[in-house]
C-alpha atoms as a PDB file:
ATOM      1  CA  MET A   1      50.037  -3.213  -0.934  1.00  0.00           C
ATOM      2  CA  THR A   2      50.902  -4.164   2.561  1.00  0.00           C
ATOM      3  CA  GLN A   3      51.549  -7.982   2.665  1.00  0.00           C
ATOM      4  CA  PRO A   4      49.889  -9.171   5.530  1.00  0.00           C
ATOM      5  CA  ALA A   5      51.534  -9.566   8.599  1.00  0.00           C
ATOM      6  CA  SER A   6      52.024 -13.799   8.980  1.00  0.00           C
ATOM      7  CA  GLY A   7      54.610 -15.361   7.753  1.00  0.00           C
ATOM      8  CA  HIS A   8      52.620 -18.381   6.160  1.00  0.00           C
ATOM      9  CA  ALA A   9      54.195 -20.291   2.952  1.00  0.00           C
ATOM     10  CA  HIS A  10      53.724 -18.462  -0.329  1.00  0.00           C
ATOM     11  CA  ALA A  11      53.519 -15.272   1.502  1.00  0.00           C
ATOM     12  CA  HIS A  12      54.152 -13.489  -2.414  1.00  0.00           C
ATOM     13  CA  HIS A  13      50.609 -14.006  -2.363  1.00  0.00           C
ATOM     14  CA  GLN A  14      47.725 -11.783  -1.132  1.00  0.00           C
ATOM     15  CA  PRO A  15      44.887 -14.223  -0.583  1.00  0.00           C
ATOM     16  CA  ILE A  16      41.159 -12.351  -1.669  1.00  0.00           C
ATOM     17  CA  ASP A  17      38.664 -14.360   0.854  1.00  0.00           C
ATOM     18  CA  VAL A  18      35.262 -13.985  -1.377  1.00  0.00           C
ATOM     19  CA  HIS A  19      33.115 -15.478   1.716  1.00  0.00           C
ATOM     20  CA  ALA A  20      33.379 -13.398   4.665  1.00  0.00           C
ATOM     21  CA  HIS A  21      30.662 -12.348   6.839  1.00  0.00           C
ATOM     22  CA  TRP A  22      29.878  -9.251   9.205  1.00  0.00           C
ATOM     23  CA  TYR A  23      27.797  -7.870  11.624  1.00  0.00           C
ATOM     24  CA  PRO A  24      28.571  -4.117  11.863  1.00  0.00           C
ATOM     25  CA  GLN A  25      27.769  -2.998  15.449  1.00  0.00           C
ATOM     26  CA  ALA A  26      25.207  -0.013  14.467  1.00  0.00           C
ATOM     27  CA  TRP A  27      23.485  -2.972  12.525  1.00  0.00           C
ATOM     28  CA  LEU A  28      23.359  -4.857  15.005  1.00  0.00           C
ATOM     29  CA  ASP A  29      22.093  -1.571  17.488  1.00  0.00           C
ATOM     30  CA  LEU A  30      19.068  -1.541  14.639  1.00  0.00           C
ATOM     31  CA  LEU A  31      18.240  -5.062  14.474  1.00  0.00           C
ATOM     32  CA  SER A  32      17.822  -5.643  18.226  1.00  0.00           C
ATOM     33  CA  LYS A  33      16.253  -2.397  18.556  1.00  0.00           C
ATOM     34  CA  TYR A  34      13.606  -2.857  16.247  1.00  0.00           C
ATOM     35  CA  GLY A  35      13.472  -6.419  15.316  1.00  0.00           C
ATOM     36  CA  PRO A  36      12.108  -7.713  18.244  1.00  0.00           C
ATOM     37  CA  ALA A  37       8.173  -5.724  17.164  1.00  0.00           C
ATOM     38  CA  GLU A  38       9.413  -8.266  13.429  1.00  0.00           C
ATOM     39  CA  GLY A  39       9.293 -11.385  14.986  1.00  0.00           C
ATOM     40  CA  VAL A  40      13.420 -11.481  15.902  1.00  0.00           C
ATOM     41  CA  GLU A  41      13.992 -12.730  19.347  1.00  0.00           C
ATOM     42  CA  TRP A  42      17.040 -11.555  20.357  1.00  0.00           C
ATOM     43  CA  ARG A  43      18.972 -12.033  23.466  1.00  0.00           C
ATOM     44  CA  GLU A  44      23.077 -11.581  24.970  1.00  0.00           C
ATOM     45  CA  VAL A  45      24.413 -13.901  25.804  1.00  0.00           C
ATOM     46  CA  GLU A  46      27.036 -13.029  28.370  1.00  0.00           C
ATOM     47  CA  GLY A  47      30.639 -12.226  27.797  1.00  0.00           C
ATOM     48  CA  LYS A  48      30.117 -13.491  23.607  1.00  0.00           C
ATOM     49  CA  GLY A  49      28.016 -11.083  22.210  1.00  0.00           C
ATOM     50  CA  PRO A  50      23.857 -11.282  20.812  1.00  0.00           C
ATOM     51  CA  GLN A  51      22.360 -14.096  19.378  1.00  0.00           C
ATOM     52  CA  PHE A  52      19.405 -13.566  17.697  1.00  0.00           C
ATOM     53  CA  LYS A  53      16.559 -15.947  15.702  1.00  0.00           C
ATOM     54  CA  VAL A  54      14.029 -15.049  12.746  1.00  0.00           C
ATOM     55  CA  GLY A  55      12.102 -18.046  12.579  1.00  0.00           C
ATOM     56  CA  TYR A  56      13.949 -21.354  12.812  1.00  0.00           C
ATOM     57  CA  LEU A  57      17.239 -19.572  11.808  1.00  0.00           C
ATOM     58  CA  SER A  58      19.395 -18.732  15.063  1.00  0.00           C
ATOM     59  CA  THR A  59      23.023 -16.630  14.333  1.00  0.00           C
ATOM     60  CA  GLY A  60      25.376 -15.853  16.653  1.00  0.00           C
ATOM     61  CA  PRO A  61      26.692 -15.444  19.707  1.00  0.00           C
ATOM     62  CA  ALA A  62      28.526 -12.679  17.291  1.00  0.00           C
ATOM     63  CA  GLY A  63      31.615 -12.564  18.829  1.00  0.00           C
ATOM     64  CA  PRO A  64      34.399  -9.729  18.527  1.00  0.00           C
ATOM     65  CA  ARG A  65      35.020 -11.400  15.378  1.00  0.00           C
ATOM     66  CA  TYR A  66      32.303 -10.870  13.400  1.00  0.00           C
ATOM     67  CA  VAL A  67      31.513  -7.317  14.610  1.00  0.00           C
ATOM     68  CA  ASP A  68      34.802  -5.500  15.306  1.00  0.00           C
ATOM     69  CA  LEU A  69      37.109  -4.767  12.655  1.00  0.00           C
ATOM     70  CA  ASP A  70      40.438  -5.036  14.765  1.00  0.00           C
ATOM     71  CA  ALA A  71      40.203  -7.788  15.770  1.00  0.00           C
ATOM     72  CA  ARG A  72      38.998  -9.097  12.052  1.00  0.00           C
ATOM     73  CA  ILE A  73      42.519  -7.155  10.790  1.00  0.00           C
ATOM     74  CA  ALA A  74      43.889  -9.407  13.424  1.00  0.00           C
ATOM     75  CA  ALA A  75      42.556 -12.602  11.863  1.00  0.00           C
ATOM     76  CA  MET A  76      43.338 -12.161   8.460  1.00  0.00           C
ATOM     77  CA  ASP A  77      47.056 -11.322   9.218  1.00  0.00           C
ATOM     78  CA  GLU A  78      47.082 -14.957  11.006  1.00  0.00           C
ATOM     79  CA  GLN A  79      44.813 -16.385   8.090  1.00  0.00           C
ATOM     80  CA  GLY A  80      47.687 -14.502   5.744  1.00  0.00           C
ATOM     81  CA  VAL A  81      44.850 -13.159   3.708  1.00  0.00           C
ATOM     82  CA  GLN A  82      45.111  -9.700   2.389  1.00  0.00           C
ATOM     83  CA  VAL A  83      41.465  -8.673   1.834  1.00  0.00           C
ATOM     84  CA  HIS A  84      37.969  -9.500   2.945  1.00  0.00           C
ATOM     85  CA  ALA A  85      35.208  -8.932   0.905  1.00  0.00           C
ATOM     86  CA  LEU A  86      32.472  -8.533   3.715  1.00  0.00           C
ATOM     87  CA  SER A  87      29.044  -9.491   3.464  1.00  0.00           C
ATOM     88  CA  LEU A  88      25.841  -9.765   5.565  1.00  0.00           C
ATOM     89  CA  SER A  89      24.709 -13.203   6.507  1.00  0.00           C
ATOM     90  CA  GLN A  90      21.905 -14.808   7.656  1.00  0.00           C
ATOM     91  CA  PRO A  91      19.251 -13.813   8.908  1.00  0.00           C
ATOM     92  CA  MET A  92      19.481 -10.682   5.829  1.00  0.00           C
ATOM     93  CA  VAL A  93      16.939  -8.459   5.821  1.00  0.00           C
ATOM     94  CA  TYR A  94      13.990 -10.014   3.996  1.00  0.00           C
ATOM     95  CA  TRP A  95      11.798 -11.061   6.779  1.00  0.00           C
ATOM     96  CA  SER A  96      11.529  -7.398   7.812  1.00  0.00           C
ATOM     97  CA  GLY A  97       8.753  -4.767   6.710  1.00  0.00           C
ATOM     98  CA  SER A  98       9.562  -2.095   4.319  1.00  0.00           C
ATOM     99  CA  GLU A  99      10.690   0.817   6.833  1.00  0.00           C
ATOM    100  CA  LEU A 100      12.857  -1.616   8.258  1.00  0.00           C
ATOM    101  CA  ALA A 101      14.459  -3.236   5.454  1.00  0.00           C
ATOM    102  CA  ASN A 102      15.040   0.077   4.703  1.00  0.00           C
ATOM    103  CA  ARG A 103      17.271   1.293   7.409  1.00  0.00           C
ATOM    104  CA  LEU A 104      18.631  -2.236   7.552  1.00  0.00           C
ATOM    105  CA  THR A 105      19.980  -2.409   4.648  1.00  0.00           C
ATOM    106  CA  ALA A 106      21.503   1.567   4.344  1.00  0.00           C
ATOM    107  CA  SER A 107      22.962   0.430   7.461  1.00  0.00           C
ATOM    108  CA  PHE A 108      24.838  -2.457   6.180  1.00  0.00           C
ATOM    109  CA  ASN A 109      25.782  -0.840   3.059  1.00  0.00           C
ATOM    110  CA  ASP A 110      26.998   2.331   4.642  1.00  0.00           C
ATOM    111  CA  GLU A 111      29.103   0.563   6.975  1.00  0.00           C
ATOM    112  CA  LEU A 112      30.461  -1.442   4.108  1.00  0.00           C
ATOM    113  CA  ALA A 113      31.497   2.056   2.737  1.00  0.00           C
ATOM    114  CA  ARG A 114      33.350   3.040   6.380  1.00  0.00           C
ATOM    115  CA  ALA A 115      35.186   0.095   6.728  1.00  0.00           C
ATOM    116  CA  HIS A 116      36.853   0.341   3.568  1.00  0.00           C
ATOM    117  CA  ASP A 117      37.397   3.936   4.338  1.00  0.00           C
ATOM    118  CA  LEU A 118      39.545   2.666   7.496  1.00  0.00           C
ATOM    119  CA  HIS A 119      40.999  -0.493   5.692  1.00  0.00           C
ATOM    120  CA  PRO A 120      41.094   0.159   2.077  1.00  0.00           C
ATOM    121  CA  GLN A 121      44.153  -1.887   0.972  1.00  0.00           C
ATOM    122  CA  ARG A 122      42.309  -4.878   3.436  1.00  0.00           C
ATOM    123  CA  LEU A 123      38.192  -4.491   2.970  1.00  0.00           C
ATOM    124  CA  VAL A 124      35.519  -4.004   0.213  1.00  0.00           C
ATOM    125  CA  GLY A 125      32.230  -4.413   0.648  1.00  0.00           C
ATOM    126  CA  LEU A 126      29.274  -6.788  -1.334  1.00  0.00           C
ATOM    127  CA  ALA A 127      26.160  -4.401  -0.569  1.00  0.00           C
ATOM    128  CA  THR A 128      22.882  -6.055   0.838  1.00  0.00           C
ATOM    129  CA  LEU A 129      19.483  -5.332  -0.938  1.00  0.00           C
ATOM    130  CA  PRO A 130      16.177  -5.297   0.449  1.00  0.00           C
ATOM    131  CA  MET A 131      15.082  -8.152  -2.634  1.00  0.00           C
ATOM    132  CA  GLN A 132      10.979  -8.301  -1.225  1.00  0.00           C
ATOM    133  CA  PHE A 133      10.718  -4.816  -1.681  1.00  0.00           C
ATOM    134  CA  PRO A 134      12.497  -5.107  -5.657  1.00  0.00           C
ATOM    135  CA  GLU A 135      11.413  -1.144  -6.342  1.00  0.00           C
ATOM    136  CA  MET A 136      13.153  -0.215  -3.068  1.00  0.00           C
ATOM    137  CA  ALA A 137      16.219  -2.566  -4.117  1.00  0.00           C
ATOM    138  CA  VAL A 138      16.617  -0.972  -7.227  1.00  0.00           C
ATOM    139  CA  ARG A 139      16.726   2.294  -5.894  1.00  0.00           C
ATOM    140  CA  GLU A 140      19.608   1.061  -3.180  1.00  0.00           C
ATOM    141  CA  VAL A 141      21.340  -0.847  -6.165  1.00  0.00           C
ATOM    142  CA  GLU A 142      22.044   2.575  -7.751  1.00  0.00           C
ATOM    143  CA  ARG A 143      23.081   4.312  -3.877  1.00  0.00           C
ATOM    144  CA  ALA A 144      25.286   1.678  -3.229  1.00  0.00           C
ATOM    145  CA  ALA A 145      26.866   1.266  -6.279  1.00  0.00           C
ATOM    146  CA  LYS A 146      28.687   4.854  -5.489  1.00  0.00           C
ATOM    147  CA  LEU A 147      29.462   3.853  -1.801  1.00  0.00           C
ATOM    148  CA  PRO A 148      33.086   3.466  -1.480  1.00  0.00           C
ATOM    149  CA  GLY A 149      34.554  -0.392  -1.514  1.00  0.00           C
ATOM    150  CA  VAL A 150      30.939  -1.923  -2.829  1.00  0.00           C
ATOM    151  CA  ARG A 151      32.343  -4.094  -5.165  1.00  0.00           C
ATOM    152  CA  GLY A 152      28.956  -6.486  -5.637  1.00  0.00           C
ATOM    153  CA  PHE A 153      25.850  -7.699  -4.117  1.00  0.00           C
ATOM    154  CA  TYR A 154      24.718 -10.050  -1.985  1.00  0.00           C
ATOM    155  CA  LEU A 155      21.711 -12.089  -2.712  1.00  0.00           C
ATOM    156  CA  GLY A 156      19.957 -15.034  -0.618  1.00  0.00           C
ATOM    157  CA  THR A 157      19.160 -17.971  -2.398  1.00  0.00           C
ATOM    158  CA  ARG A 158      15.467 -17.434  -2.749  1.00  0.00           C
ATOM    159  CA  VAL A 159      13.406 -14.167  -1.460  1.00  0.00           C
ATOM    160  CA  LEU A 160      10.676 -15.242   1.396  1.00  0.00           C
ATOM    161  CA  ASP A 161       8.875 -17.476  -0.650  1.00  0.00           C
ATOM    162  CA  CYS A 162      10.056 -16.723  -4.443  1.00  0.00           C
ATOM    163  CA  GLU A 163      12.325 -18.122  -6.436  1.00  0.00           C
ATOM    164  CA  LEU A 164      15.388 -16.151  -7.859  1.00  0.00           C
ATOM    165  CA  SER A 165      13.600 -16.511 -11.596  1.00  0.00           C
ATOM    166  CA  ASP A 166      10.725 -14.579 -10.697  1.00  0.00           C
ATOM    167  CA  PRO A 167       9.962 -12.114 -12.873  1.00  0.00           C
ATOM    168  CA  LYS A 168       9.465  -9.472  -9.988  1.00  0.00           C
ATOM    169  CA  PHE A 169      12.960  -9.333  -9.346  1.00  0.00           C
ATOM    170  CA  PHE A 170      14.326  -8.624 -13.224  1.00  0.00           C
ATOM    171  CA  SER A 171      14.576  -4.942 -12.999  1.00  0.00           C
ATOM    172  CA  VAL A 172      16.993  -5.228 -10.340  1.00  0.00           C
ATOM    173  CA  TYR A 173      18.939  -7.736 -12.572  1.00  0.00           C
ATOM    174  CA  GLU A 174      19.206  -5.517 -15.096  1.00  0.00           C
ATOM    175  CA  ARG A 175      20.417  -2.836 -13.055  1.00  0.00           C
ATOM    176  CA  ILE A 176      22.745  -4.942 -11.307  1.00  0.00           C
ATOM    177  CA  GLU A 177      23.904  -6.330 -15.059  1.00  0.00           C
ATOM    178  CA  ALA A 178      24.262  -2.166 -16.414  1.00  0.00           C
ATOM    179  CA  LEU A 179      26.835  -1.505 -13.974  1.00  0.00           C
ATOM    180  CA  GLY A 180      28.549  -4.575 -14.356  1.00  0.00           C
ATOM    181  CA  LEU A 181      28.784  -6.130 -10.481  1.00  0.00           C
ATOM    182  CA  PRO A 182      28.662  -9.172  -9.448  1.00  0.00           C
ATOM    183  CA  ILE A 183      25.978 -10.842  -7.599  1.00  0.00           C
ATOM    184  CA  PHE A 184      27.306 -12.927  -4.573  1.00  0.00           C
ATOM    185  CA  LEU A 185      24.160 -16.065  -3.468  1.00  0.00           C
ATOM    186  CA  HIS A 186      23.857 -17.191   0.271  1.00  0.00           C
ATOM    187  CA  PRO A 187      21.381 -19.164   1.726  1.00  0.00           C
ATOM    188  CA  VAL A 188      19.512 -17.942   3.893  1.00  0.00           C
ATOM    189  CA  TYR A 189      15.998 -20.221   4.621  1.00  0.00           C
ATOM    190  CA  VAL A 190      16.925 -24.102   3.536  1.00  0.00           C
ATOM    191  CA  ILE A 191      14.070 -26.650   1.617  1.00  0.00           C
ATOM    192  CA  GLY A 192      13.088 -29.407   3.745  1.00  0.00           C
ATOM    193  CA  HIS A 193      14.258 -27.460   7.250  1.00  0.00           C
ATOM    194  CA  GLU A 194      11.717 -29.821   9.254  1.00  0.00           C
ATOM    195  CA  ARG A 195      13.957 -32.795   8.014  1.00  0.00           C
ATOM    196  CA  LEU A 196      17.014 -30.949   8.663  1.00  0.00           C
ATOM    197  CA  GLU A 197      16.998 -30.101  12.581  1.00  0.00           C
ATOM    198  CA  ALA A 198      18.623 -32.661  13.703  1.00  0.00           C
ATOM    199  CA  HIS A 199      22.610 -33.438  13.336  1.00  0.00           C
ATOM    200  CA  TYR A 200      23.201 -29.631  12.074  1.00  0.00           C
ATOM    201  CA  LEU A 201      22.172 -30.429   9.097  1.00  0.00           C
ATOM    202  CA  THR A 202      20.319 -27.291   7.655  1.00  0.00           C
ATOM    203  CA  ASN A 203      23.565 -26.525   7.409  1.00  0.00           C
ATOM    204  CA  LEU A 204      25.761 -29.224   5.842  1.00  0.00           C
ATOM    205  CA  LEU A 205      23.509 -30.225   3.353  1.00  0.00           C
ATOM    206  CA  GLY A 206      20.273 -27.719   3.011  1.00  0.00           C
ATOM    207  CA  ASN A 207      22.764 -24.882   2.792  1.00  0.00           C
ATOM    208  CA  PRO A 208      24.712 -26.413  -0.234  1.00  0.00           C
ATOM    209  CA  PHE A 209      21.103 -28.223  -1.764  1.00  0.00           C
ATOM    210  CA  GLU A 210      20.213 -24.129  -1.692  1.00  0.00           C
ATOM    211  CA  ALA A 211      22.832 -23.223  -3.901  1.00  0.00           C
ATOM    212  CA  ALA A 212      21.831 -26.399  -6.578  1.00  0.00           C
ATOM    213  CA  ILE A 213      18.136 -24.824  -6.252  1.00  0.00           C
ATOM    214  CA  ALA A 214      18.380 -21.175  -7.005  1.00  0.00           C
ATOM    215  CA  ALA A 215      21.293 -22.351 -10.093  1.00  0.00           C
ATOM    216  CA  ALA A 216      18.686 -24.333 -11.274  1.00  0.00           C
ATOM    217  CA  HIS A 217      16.049 -21.758 -11.358  1.00  0.00           C
ATOM    218  CA  LEU A 218      18.303 -19.279 -12.838  1.00  0.00           C
ATOM    219  CA  ILE A 219      18.896 -21.418 -15.598  1.00  0.00           C
ATOM    220  CA  PHE A 220      15.453 -23.209 -16.487  1.00  0.00           C
ATOM    221  CA  GLY A 221      14.184 -19.619 -15.464  1.00  0.00           C
ATOM    222  CA  GLY A 222      15.743 -18.392 -18.001  1.00  0.00           C
ATOM    223  CA  VAL A 223      17.648 -15.326 -16.291  1.00  0.00           C
ATOM    224  CA  LEU A 224      21.025 -16.159 -17.436  1.00  0.00           C
ATOM    225  CA  ASP A 225      19.561 -15.948 -21.149  1.00  0.00           C
ATOM    226  CA  ARG A 226      17.693 -12.519 -20.521  1.00  0.00           C
ATOM    227  CA  PHE A 227      21.026 -11.422 -18.845  1.00  0.00           C
ATOM    228  CA  PRO A 228      23.749 -12.303 -20.665  1.00  0.00           C
ATOM    229  CA  ASN A 229      26.258 -10.141 -18.949  1.00  0.00           C
ATOM    230  CA  LEU A 230      25.000 -10.576 -15.257  1.00  0.00           C
ATOM    231  CA  VAL A 231      28.007 -12.407 -13.134  1.00  0.00           C
ATOM    232  CA  VAL A 232      26.540 -14.694 -10.618  1.00  0.00           C
ATOM    233  CA  VAL A 233      28.781 -16.739  -7.541  1.00  0.00           C
ATOM    234  CA  LEU A 234      27.948 -19.735  -5.937  1.00  0.00           C
ATOM    235  CA  PRO A 235      29.023 -20.314  -2.589  1.00  0.00           C
ATOM    236  CA  HIS A 236      29.767 -23.920  -0.903  1.00  0.00           C
ATOM    237  CA  ALA A 237      31.759 -24.701  -4.142  1.00  0.00           C
ATOM    238  CA  GLY A 238      28.373 -24.322  -5.763  1.00  0.00           C
ATOM    239  CA  GLY A 239      27.330 -26.614  -3.326  1.00  0.00           C
ATOM    240  CA  ALA A 240      25.356 -29.634  -4.779  1.00  0.00           C
ATOM    241  CA  PHE A 241      25.046 -27.538  -8.620  1.00  0.00           C
ATOM    242  CA  PRO A 242      28.081 -29.203  -9.994  1.00  0.00           C
ATOM    243  CA  TRP A 243      27.802 -32.532  -8.985  1.00  0.00           C
ATOM    244  CA  LEU A 244      24.215 -32.899 -10.201  1.00  0.00           C
ATOM    245  CA  VAL A 245      24.592 -31.002 -13.615  1.00  0.00           C
ATOM    246  CA  GLY A 246      24.541 -33.911 -15.389  1.00  0.00           C
ATOM    247  CA  ARG A 247      21.689 -34.671 -14.270  1.00  0.00           C
ATOM    248  CA  LEU A 248      19.605 -31.640 -15.107  1.00  0.00           C
ATOM    249  CA  ASN A 249      21.148 -31.722 -18.908  1.00  0.00           C
ATOM    250  CA  ARG A 250      19.316 -35.293 -19.025  1.00  0.00           C
ATOM    251  CA  GLY A 251      16.311 -33.786 -18.221  1.00  0.00           C
ATOM    252  CA  TRP A 252      16.925 -31.370 -20.557  1.00  0.00           C
ATOM    253  CA  GLU A 253      17.640 -33.433 -23.573  1.00  0.00           C
ATOM    254  CA  LYS A 254      14.855 -35.819 -22.662  1.00  0.00           C
ATOM    255  CA  ARG A 255      11.407 -33.367 -21.627  1.00  0.00           C
ATOM    256  CA  ALA A 256      10.410 -31.047 -24.452  1.00  0.00           C
ATOM    257  CA  ASP A 257       9.170 -28.727 -21.805  1.00  0.00           C
ATOM    258  CA  LEU A 258      12.398 -27.876 -20.864  1.00  0.00           C
ATOM    259  CA  LYS A 259      13.942 -27.356 -24.239  1.00  0.00           C
ATOM    260  CA  HIS A 260      13.023 -23.113 -23.740  1.00  0.00           C
ATOM    261  CA  ILE A 261      16.904 -22.693 -23.025  1.00  0.00           C
ATOM    262  CA  LYS A 262      19.200 -21.476 -25.124  1.00  0.00           C
ATOM    263  CA  HIS A 263      21.992 -23.733 -23.892  1.00  0.00           C
ATOM    264  CA  ALA A 264      22.496 -27.219 -22.961  1.00  0.00           C
ATOM    265  CA  PRO A 265      22.401 -27.099 -18.601  1.00  0.00           C
ATOM    266  CA  VAL A 266      25.854 -28.185 -18.871  1.00  0.00           C
ATOM    267  CA  ASP A 267      26.953 -24.870 -20.881  1.00  0.00           C
ATOM    268  CA  TYR A 268      25.808 -22.891 -18.075  1.00  0.00           C
ATOM    269  CA  LEU A 269      28.472 -24.517 -15.541  1.00  0.00           C
ATOM    270  CA  ARG A 270      30.702 -21.220 -16.639  1.00  0.00           C
ATOM    271  CA  ARG A 271      28.054 -18.115 -16.301  1.00  0.00           C
ATOM    272  CA  PHE A 272      28.906 -18.849 -12.947  1.00  0.00           C
ATOM    273  CA  TYR A 273      31.988 -18.538 -10.191  1.00  0.00           C
ATOM    274  CA  TYR A 274      32.042 -20.683  -7.214  1.00  0.00           C
ATOM    275  CA  ASP A 275      34.573 -20.734  -3.873  1.00  0.00           C
ATOM    276  CA  THR A 276      36.475 -22.816  -2.528  1.00  0.00           C
ATOM    277  CA  ILE A 277      34.469 -24.157   0.421  1.00  0.00           C
ATOM    278  CA  GLY A 278      33.859 -28.049  -0.269  1.00  0.00           C
ATOM    279  CA  TYR A 279      36.103 -29.147   2.548  1.00  0.00           C
ATOM    280  CA  SER A 280      38.057 -31.525   0.122  1.00  0.00           C
ATOM    281  CA  ASP A 281      40.974 -31.319  -2.120  1.00  0.00           C
ATOM    282  CA  THR A 282      38.812 -33.778  -4.520  1.00  0.00           C
ATOM    283  CA  VAL A 283      35.670 -31.177  -4.994  1.00  0.00           C
ATOM    284  CA  LEU A 284      38.579 -28.194  -5.427  1.00  0.00           C
ATOM    285  CA  GLU A 285      39.851 -30.493  -8.448  1.00  0.00           C
ATOM    286  CA  TYR A 286      36.538 -31.690  -9.865  1.00  0.00           C
ATOM    287  CA  LEU A 287      35.549 -27.750  -9.846  1.00  0.00           C
ATOM    288  CA  VAL A 288      39.052 -26.803 -11.561  1.00  0.00           C
ATOM    289  CA  LYS A 289      38.388 -29.759 -13.856  1.00  0.00           C
ATOM    290  CA  ASN A 290      34.540 -29.289 -14.774  1.00  0.00           C
ATOM    291  CA  VAL A 291      34.186 -24.874 -14.761  1.00  0.00           C
ATOM    292  CA  GLY A 292      38.038 -24.217 -14.857  1.00  0.00           C
ATOM    293  CA  ALA A 293      40.349 -22.393 -12.267  1.00  0.00           C
ATOM    294  CA  ASP A 294      39.259 -19.224 -13.941  1.00  0.00           C
ATOM    295  CA  ARG A 295      36.031 -19.300 -12.141  1.00  0.00           C
ATOM    296  CA  VAL A 296      36.870 -20.155  -8.798  1.00  0.00           C
ATOM    297  CA  MET A 297      38.080 -17.981  -5.943  1.00  0.00           C
ATOM    298  CA  MET A 298      39.092 -18.683  -2.223  1.00  0.00           C
ATOM    299  CA  GLY A 299      36.539 -18.336   0.351  1.00  0.00           C
ATOM    300  CA  SER A 300      36.552 -19.310   4.206  1.00  0.00           C
ATOM    301  CA  ASP A 301      32.793 -18.630   5.459  1.00  0.00           C
ATOM    302  CA  PHE A 302      34.510 -16.410   8.320  1.00  0.00           C
ATOM    303  CA  CYS A 303      33.916 -16.963  10.960  1.00  0.00           C
ATOM    304  CA  PHE A 304      31.320 -19.146  11.900  1.00  0.00           C
ATOM    305  CA  PRO A 305      32.590 -22.490  13.193  1.00  0.00           C
ATOM    306  CA  ILE A 306      32.892 -24.447  10.370  1.00  0.00           C
ATOM    307  CA  ALA A 307      34.903 -21.737   8.269  1.00  0.00           C
ATOM    308  CA  TYR A 308      38.422 -22.494   7.494  1.00  0.00           C
ATOM    309  CA  GLU A 309      41.571 -21.587   9.233  1.00  0.00           C
ATOM    310  CA  GLN A 310      43.191 -21.375   6.847  1.00  0.00           C
ATOM    311  CA  PRO A 311      41.684 -20.353   4.076  1.00  0.00           C
ATOM    312  CA  ALA A 312      44.573 -19.662   2.036  1.00  0.00           C
ATOM    313  CA  ARG A 313      46.669 -23.111   3.198  1.00  0.00           C
ATOM    314  CA  ASN A 314      43.524 -25.161   1.808  1.00  0.00           C
ATOM    315  CA  VAL A 315      44.596 -24.073  -1.556  1.00  0.00           C
ATOM    316  CA  THR A 316      48.320 -23.989  -1.680  1.00  0.00           C
ATOM    317  CA  ASP A 317      48.136 -26.941   0.144  1.00  0.00           C
ATOM    318  CA  ASN A 318      46.498 -29.123  -2.050  1.00  0.00           C
ATOM    319  CA  LYS A 319      48.621 -30.774  -4.299  1.00  0.00           C
ATOM    320  CA  LEU A 320      45.977 -31.999  -7.198  1.00  0.00           C
ATOM    321  CA  LEU A 321      46.123 -27.915  -8.491  1.00  0.00           C
ATOM    322  CA  THR A 322      49.538 -26.556 -10.532  1.00  0.00           C
ATOM    323  CA  PRO A 323      50.995 -23.323  -8.897  1.00  0.00           C
ATOM    324  CA  GLU A 324      49.105 -21.247 -11.394  1.00  0.00           C
ATOM    325  CA  GLN A 325      46.001 -22.197 -10.562  1.00  0.00           C
ATOM    326  CA  HIS A 326      46.427 -21.876  -6.715  1.00  0.00           C
ATOM    327  CA  THR A 327      47.168 -18.339  -7.433  1.00  0.00           C
ATOM    328  CA  ALA A 328      44.029 -17.714  -9.659  1.00  0.00           C
ATOM    329  CA  ILE A 329      41.823 -19.350  -6.997  1.00  0.00           C
ATOM    330  CA  LEU A 330      43.582 -16.959  -4.252  1.00  0.00           C
ATOM    331  CA  GLU A 331      43.473 -13.792  -6.298  1.00  0.00           C
ATOM    332  CA  GLY A 332      43.546 -13.508  -9.476  1.00  0.00           C
ATOM    333  CA  ASN A 333      39.996 -14.261 -10.606  1.00  0.00           C
ATOM    334  CA  ALA A 334      38.812 -12.116  -7.359  1.00  0.00           C
ATOM    335  CA  ARG A 335      40.823  -9.187  -8.461  1.00  0.00           C
ATOM    336  CA  ARG A 336      39.648  -9.283 -12.017  1.00  0.00           C
ATOM    337  CA  LEU A 337      36.033  -9.374 -10.744  1.00  0.00           C
ATOM    338  CA  LEU A 338      36.127  -7.325  -7.645  1.00  0.00           C
ATOM    339  CA  GLY A 339      38.481  -4.945  -9.349  1.00  0.00           C
ATOM    340  CA  ILE A 340      41.183  -4.954  -6.675  1.00  0.00           C
END
């Protein structure tokens, strides 16, 4: 593998960023052309790229680093990052009708394959799915899994008003599990957003709570029991979930209606992988202690405003972890999970 051009500390590492968003130009073109008829508010911000809004979710302006692959590779080199696992971000495609959802999904996943073909050592893809139409999603799982560079699937923590434990999604999970590919989760709309509009709290608090709610539904909703080999990756260092799992456990101990799951909630901590985006050395230390260094992978949230500018340094500068743990988190775990 080629080394990133930058000469950061620990240059022998080849870090893999598992939480890196991308808006391909072809996908944006479809969104701008067909989205407004289905409720997308679209505007071009002079010199900064497009901004789009679906419901209360506003994204952008999406400048070159969001879109242009050459700008991205240059940014990766600056950060000393070898590989990005590219994913779509908000607003995903769940708001769209079946025809547009199909087109947007196929476009994004085809662009992932194109990005990988252009930079096979640097870019892999996490495919998007039209989860609001499960039969269509199953077909796209089959199609996308064959595309070059696709190494997993990216899902919202909730699909419109349906939790991830809704049985209508089971056929999708079944196919993904059979293929041996991981699911990465990401919030779209968040719980109680009307209380979180001020102070950027929809992201700062809403997103991490979404990860906890999704994890709880996957546990108590029986999804992880039903699909024992399904791998799920939680964003934002697991959000509130790793901190509150003891409380979920207490509920399971004390309530008869929670006894239906096969294990104690705390025993599901290791059914998930987690990224490093907790913005705190002690959060990362807590994850490593309670979940294990083999379940944590470097992420940055590229390239949103609160993203880590130096995601690899955030790991290697953490003196609470050992060099072996640094290596596992920077690249070892992601290599294994994504087949890199």
